[in-house]
Structure formats: structure tokens, C-alpha cells
Amino acid sequence: MGDVSARCDALGGLLKAAGHDLAKTDESVKQELDALAAKYGDTDAVGGQAKEK
């Protein structure tokens, strides 16, 4: 549960800062989001990958 909390706190802080610091470019915000995605990479869903229909 601690990992989820840390992930939410990091994302919330990034979004809050992006909203308050309108001088940031979209690209710089995307880079920060990409860094979070790399740090908190998701694991595969339980049960594996979904099958095509």
C-alpha cells in the first residue's frame, strides 16, 4: 500500500506544480510524467494479457 501512496503523492505533486507553474511547457511536464512512469512501471495485470476478440 505504501507504493501506491507514494505513487499518488508523486503524481499529485507533479500535477499541482504543473497547474501552479504555467510557465512550464507541455513537453517539460510530459518528461516529468514519463520519468514517473519509468520509476513506477506497472506490472502485468493478474491473469496475463487480454485476448483479442
PDB file of N, CA and C in Angstrom:
ATOM      1  N   MET A   1       0.815  -1.189   0.000  1.00  0.00           N
ATOM      2  CA  MET A   1       0.000   0.000   0.000  1.00  0.00           C
ATOM      3  C   MET A   1       0.863   1.259   0.000  1.00  0.00           C
ATOM      4  N   GLY A   2       2.039   1.157   0.589  1.00  0.00           N
ATOM      5  CA  GLY A   2       2.930   2.307   0.632  1.00  0.00           C
ATOM      6  C   GLY A   2       3.379   2.747  -0.749  1.00  0.00           C
ATOM      7  N   ASP A   3       3.583   1.770  -1.660  1.00  0.00           N
ATOM      8  CA  ASP A   3       3.986   2.102  -3.023  1.00  0.00           C
ATOM      9  C   ASP A   3       2.895   2.887  -3.739  1.00  0.00           C
ATOM     10  N   VAL A   4       1.653   2.490  -3.514  1.00  0.00           N
ATOM     11  CA  VAL A   4       0.527   3.181  -4.150  1.00  0.00           C
ATOM     12  C   VAL A   4       0.431   4.605  -3.621  1.00  0.00           C
ATOM     13  N   SER A   5       0.593   4.764  -2.325  1.00  0.00           N
ATOM     14  CA  SER A   5       0.529   6.085  -1.717  1.00  0.00           C
ATOM     15  C   SER A   5       1.648   6.986  -2.245  1.00  0.00           C
ATOM     16  N   ALA A   6       2.856   6.436  -2.333  1.00  0.00           N
ATOM     17  CA  ALA A   6       3.988   7.221  -2.840  1.00  0.00           C
ATOM     18  C   ALA A   6       3.766   7.612  -4.292  1.00  0.00           C
ATOM     19  N   ARG A   7       3.215   6.694  -5.069  1.00  0.00           N
ATOM     20  CA  ARG A   7       2.944   6.968  -6.475  1.00  0.00           C
ATOM     21  C   ARG A   7       1.900   8.077  -6.626  1.00  0.00           C
ATOM     22  N   CYS A   8       0.829   7.991  -5.841  1.00  0.00           N
ATOM     23  CA  CYS A   8      -0.218   9.012  -5.891  1.00  0.00           C
ATOM     24  C   CYS A   8       0.302  10.370  -5.435  1.00  0.00           C
ATOM     25  N   ASP A   9       1.114  10.366  -4.374  1.00  0.00           N
ATOM     26  CA  ASP A   9       1.687  11.616  -3.891  1.00  0.00           C
ATOM     27  C   ASP A   9       2.586  12.255  -4.950  1.00  0.00           C
ATOM     28  N   ALA A  10       3.390  11.435  -5.619  1.00  0.00           N
ATOM     29  CA  ALA A  10       4.292  11.957  -6.652  1.00  0.00           C
ATOM     30  C   ALA A  10       3.499  12.536  -7.819  1.00  0.00           C
ATOM     31  N   LEU A  11       2.486  11.812  -8.264  1.00  0.00           N
ATOM     32  CA  LEU A  11       1.668  12.286  -9.380  1.00  0.00           C
ATOM     33  C   LEU A  11       0.889  13.534  -8.978  1.00  0.00           C
ATOM     34  N   GLY A  12       0.307  13.510  -7.787  1.00  0.00           N
ATOM     35  CA  GLY A  12      -0.439  14.680  -7.313  1.00  0.00           C
ATOM     36  C   GLY A  12       0.437  15.914  -7.214  1.00  0.00           C
ATOM     37  N   GLY A  13       1.645  15.732  -6.707  1.00  0.00           N
ATOM     38  CA  GLY A  13       2.565  16.862  -6.610  1.00  0.00           C
ATOM     39  C   GLY A  13       2.948  17.413  -7.969  1.00  0.00           C
ATOM     40  N   LEU A  14       3.174  16.509  -8.913  1.00  0.00           N
ATOM     41  CA  LEU A  14       3.526  16.936 -10.267  1.00  0.00           C
ATOM     42  C   LEU A  14       2.379  17.709 -10.905  1.00  0.00           C
ATOM     43  N   LEU A  15       1.163  17.195 -10.777  1.00  0.00           N
ATOM     44  CA  LEU A  15       0.003  17.865 -11.378  1.00  0.00           C
ATOM     45  C   LEU A  15      -0.282  19.204 -10.708  1.00  0.00           C
ATOM     46  N   LYS A  16      -0.119  19.257  -9.394  1.00  0.00           N
ATOM     47  CA  LYS A  16      -0.333  20.514  -8.671  1.00  0.00           C
ATOM     48  C   LYS A  16       0.689  21.558  -9.109  1.00  0.00           C
ATOM     49  N   ALA A  17       1.950  21.146  -9.216  1.00  0.00           N
ATOM     50  CA  ALA A  17       3.001  22.069  -9.643  1.00  0.00           C
ATOM     51  C   ALA A  17       2.765  22.537 -11.077  1.00  0.00           C
ATOM     52  N   ALA A  18       2.320  21.615 -11.937  1.00  0.00           N
ATOM     53  CA  ALA A  18       2.064  21.989 -13.334  1.00  0.00           C
ATOM     54  C   ALA A  18       0.929  23.007 -13.422  1.00  0.00           C
ATOM     55  N   GLY A  19      -0.061  22.869 -12.555  1.00  0.00           N
ATOM     56  CA  GLY A  19      -1.184  23.807 -12.555  1.00  0.00           C
ATOM     57  C   GLY A  19      -0.815  25.177 -12.035  1.00  0.00           C
ATOM     58  N   HIS A  20       0.121  25.215 -11.079  1.00  0.00           N
ATOM     59  CA  HIS A  20       0.519  26.491 -10.495  1.00  0.00           C
ATOM     60  C   HIS A  20       1.625  27.173 -11.280  1.00  0.00           C
ATOM     61  N   ASP A  21       2.449  26.397 -11.960  1.00  0.00           N
ATOM     62  CA  ASP A  21       3.592  26.947 -12.689  1.00  0.00           C
ATOM     63  C   ASP A  21       3.279  26.918 -14.180  1.00  0.00           C
ATOM     64  N   LEU A  22       2.497  27.872 -14.615  1.00  0.00           N
ATOM     65  CA  LEU A  22       2.052  27.889 -16.008  1.00  0.00           C
ATOM     66  C   LEU A  22       3.177  28.231 -16.974  1.00  0.00           C
ATOM     67  N   ALA A  23       4.355  28.557 -16.449  1.00  0.00           N
ATOM     68  CA  ALA A  23       5.494  28.842 -17.314  1.00  0.00           C
ATOM     69  C   ALA A  23       6.109  27.569 -17.873  1.00  0.00           C
ATOM     70  N   LYS A  24       5.780  26.418 -17.267  1.00  0.00           N
ATOM     71  CA  LYS A  24       6.318  25.150 -17.759  1.00  0.00           C
ATOM     72  C   LYS A  24       5.691  24.815 -19.106  1.00  0.00           C
ATOM     73  N   THR A  25       6.504  24.252 -19.967  1.00  0.00           N
ATOM     74  CA  THR A  25       5.983  23.823 -21.263  1.00  0.00           C
ATOM     75  C   THR A  25       5.311  22.463 -21.120  1.00  0.00           C
ATOM     76  N   ASP A  26       4.450  22.145 -22.069  1.00  0.00           N
ATOM     77  CA  ASP A  26       3.814  20.827 -22.078  1.00  0.00           C
ATOM     78  C   ASP A  26       4.870  19.731 -22.149  1.00  0.00           C
ATOM     79  N   GLU A  27       5.920  19.993 -22.911  1.00  0.00           N
ATOM     80  CA  GLU A  27       6.976  18.989 -23.083  1.00  0.00           C
ATOM     81  C   GLU A  27       7.687  18.713 -21.753  1.00  0.00           C
ATOM     82  N   SER A  28       7.940  19.739 -20.965  1.00  0.00           N
ATOM     83  CA  SER A  28       8.621  19.511 -19.686  1.00  0.00           C
ATOM     84  C   SER A  28       7.728  18.736 -18.720  1.00  0.00           C
ATOM     85  N   VAL A  29       6.430  19.002 -18.747  1.00  0.00           N
ATOM     86  CA  VAL A  29       5.501  18.242 -17.906  1.00  0.00           C
ATOM     87  C   VAL A  29       5.446  16.794 -18.375  1.00  0.00           C
ATOM     88  N   LYS A  30       5.425  16.583 -19.705  1.00  0.00           N
ATOM     89  CA  LYS A  30       5.412  15.220 -20.242  1.00  0.00           C
ATOM     90  C   LYS A  30       6.671  14.465 -19.836  1.00  0.00           C
ATOM     91  N   GLN A  31       7.823  15.133 -19.856  1.00  0.00           N
ATOM     92  CA  GLN A  31       9.065  14.488 -19.441  1.00  0.00           C
ATOM     93  C   GLN A  31       8.988  14.053 -17.978  1.00  0.00           C
ATOM     94  N   GLU A  32       8.400  14.886 -17.133  1.00  0.00           N
ATOM     95  CA  GLU A  32       8.255  14.524 -15.725  1.00  0.00           C
ATOM     96  C   GLU A  32       7.290  13.351 -15.562  1.00  0.00           C
ATOM     97  N   LEU A  33       6.201  13.336 -16.344  1.00  0.00           N
ATOM     98  CA  LEU A  33       5.263  12.210 -16.305  1.00  0.00           C
ATOM     99  C   LEU A  33       5.933  10.924 -16.785  1.00  0.00           C
ATOM    100  N   ASP A  34       6.744  11.034 -17.836  1.00  0.00           N
ATOM    101  CA  ASP A  34       7.466   9.863 -18.343  1.00  0.00           C
ATOM    102  C   ASP A  34       8.439   9.328 -17.298  1.00  0.00           C
ATOM    103  N   ALA A  35       9.084  10.231 -16.563  1.00  0.00           N
ATOM    104  CA  ALA A  35      10.011   9.807 -15.508  1.00  0.00           C
ATOM    105  C   ALA A  35       9.258   9.066 -14.404  1.00  0.00           C
ATOM    106  N   LEU A  36       8.060   9.547 -14.058  1.00  0.00           N
ATOM    107  CA  LEU A  36       7.248   8.842 -13.066  1.00  0.00           C
ATOM    108  C   LEU A  36       6.828   7.473 -13.581  1.00  0.00           C
ATOM    109  N   ALA A  37       6.450   7.405 -14.848  1.00  0.00           N
ATOM    110  CA  ALA A  37       6.038   6.129 -15.439  1.00  0.00           C
ATOM    111  C   ALA A  37       7.192   5.131 -15.402  1.00  0.00           C
ATOM    112  N   ALA A  38       8.400   5.603 -15.650  1.00  0.00           N
ATOM    113  CA  ALA A  38       9.563   4.712 -15.612  1.00  0.00           C
ATOM    114  C   ALA A  38       9.858   4.264 -14.180  1.00  0.00           C
ATOM    115  N   LYS A  39       9.718   5.174 -13.233  1.00  0.00           N
ATOM    116  CA  LYS A  39      10.004   4.855 -11.834  1.00  0.00           C
ATOM    117  C   LYS A  39       8.968   3.903 -11.258  1.00  0.00           C
ATOM    118  N   TYR A  40       7.713   4.122 -11.589  1.00  0.00           N
ATOM    119  CA  TYR A  40       6.620   3.316 -11.040  1.00  0.00           C
ATOM    120  C   TYR A  40       5.983   2.472 -12.131  1.00  0.00           C
ATOM    121  N   GLY A  41       6.798   1.813 -12.943  1.00  0.00           N
ATOM    122  CA  GLY A  41       6.290   0.993 -14.041  1.00  0.00           C
ATOM    123  C   GLY A  41       5.289  -0.043 -13.558  1.00  0.00           C
ATOM    124  N   ASP A  42       4.195  -0.160 -14.276  1.00  0.00           N
ATOM    125  CA  ASP A  42       3.164  -1.121 -13.913  1.00  0.00           C
ATOM    126  C   ASP A  42       3.624  -2.533 -14.196  1.00  0.00           C
ATOM    127  N   THR A  43       3.111  -3.427 -13.422  1.00  0.00           N
ATOM    128  CA  THR A  43       3.324  -4.843 -13.674  1.00  0.00           C
ATOM    129  C   THR A  43       2.160  -5.339 -14.517  1.00  0.00           C
ATOM    130  N   ASP A  44       2.328  -6.498 -15.139  1.00  0.00           N
ATOM    131  CA  ASP A  44       1.233  -7.063 -15.923  1.00  0.00           C
ATOM    132  C   ASP A  44       0.040  -7.325 -15.022  1.00  0.00           C
ATOM    133  N   ALA A  45      -1.133  -7.219 -15.598  1.00  0.00           N
ATOM    134  CA  ALA A  45      -2.363  -7.471 -14.855  1.00  0.00           C
ATOM    135  C   ALA A  45      -2.421  -8.934 -14.416  1.00  0.00           C
ATOM    136  N   VAL A  46      -3.085  -9.181 -13.314  1.00  0.00           N
ATOM    137  CA  VAL A  46      -3.283 -10.550 -12.854  1.00  0.00           C
ATOM    138  C   VAL A  46      -4.064 -11.290 -13.903  1.00  0.00           C
ATOM    139  N   GLY A  47      -3.596 -12.477 -14.248  1.00  0.00           N
ATOM    140  CA  GLY A  47      -4.287 -13.260 -15.269  1.00  0.00           C
ATOM    141  C   GLY A  47      -3.691 -13.092 -16.646  1.00  0.00           C
ATOM    142  N   GLY A  48      -2.644 -12.257 -16.770  1.00  0.00           N
ATOM    143  CA  GLY A  48      -1.980 -12.099 -18.054  1.00  0.00           C
ATOM    144  C   GLY A  48      -2.638 -11.069 -18.948  1.00  0.00           C
ATOM    145  N   GLN A  49      -2.278 -11.140 -20.190  1.00  0.00           N
ATOM    146  CA  GLN A  49      -2.768 -10.184 -21.174  1.00  0.00           C
ATOM    147  C   GLN A  49      -4.166 -10.543 -21.652  1.00  0.00           C
ATOM    148  N   ALA A  50      -4.940  -9.541 -22.009  1.00  0.00           N
ATOM    149  CA  ALA A  50      -6.277  -9.773 -22.532  1.00  0.00           C
ATOM    150  C   ALA A  50      -6.174 -10.384 -23.927  1.00  0.00           C
ATOM    151  N   LYS A  51      -7.096 -11.259 -24.250  1.00  0.00           N
ATOM    152  CA  LYS A  51      -7.125 -11.887 -25.546  1.00  0.00           C
ATOM    153  C   LYS A  51      -7.925 -11.032 -26.521  1.00  0.00           C
ATOM    154  N   GLU A  52      -7.518 -11.059 -27.784  1.00  0.00           N
ATOM    155  CA  GLU A  52      -8.267 -10.334 -28.803  1.00  0.00           C
ATOM    156  C   GLU A  52      -9.576 -11.056 -29.076  1.00  0.00           C
ATOM    157  N   LYS A  53     -10.587 -10.289 -29.396  1.00  0.00           N
ATOM    158  CA  LYS A  53     -11.904 -10.887 -29.694  1.00  0.00           C
ATOM    159  C   LYS A  53     -12.159 -10.859 -31.172  1.00  0.00           C
TER     160      LYS A  53
END
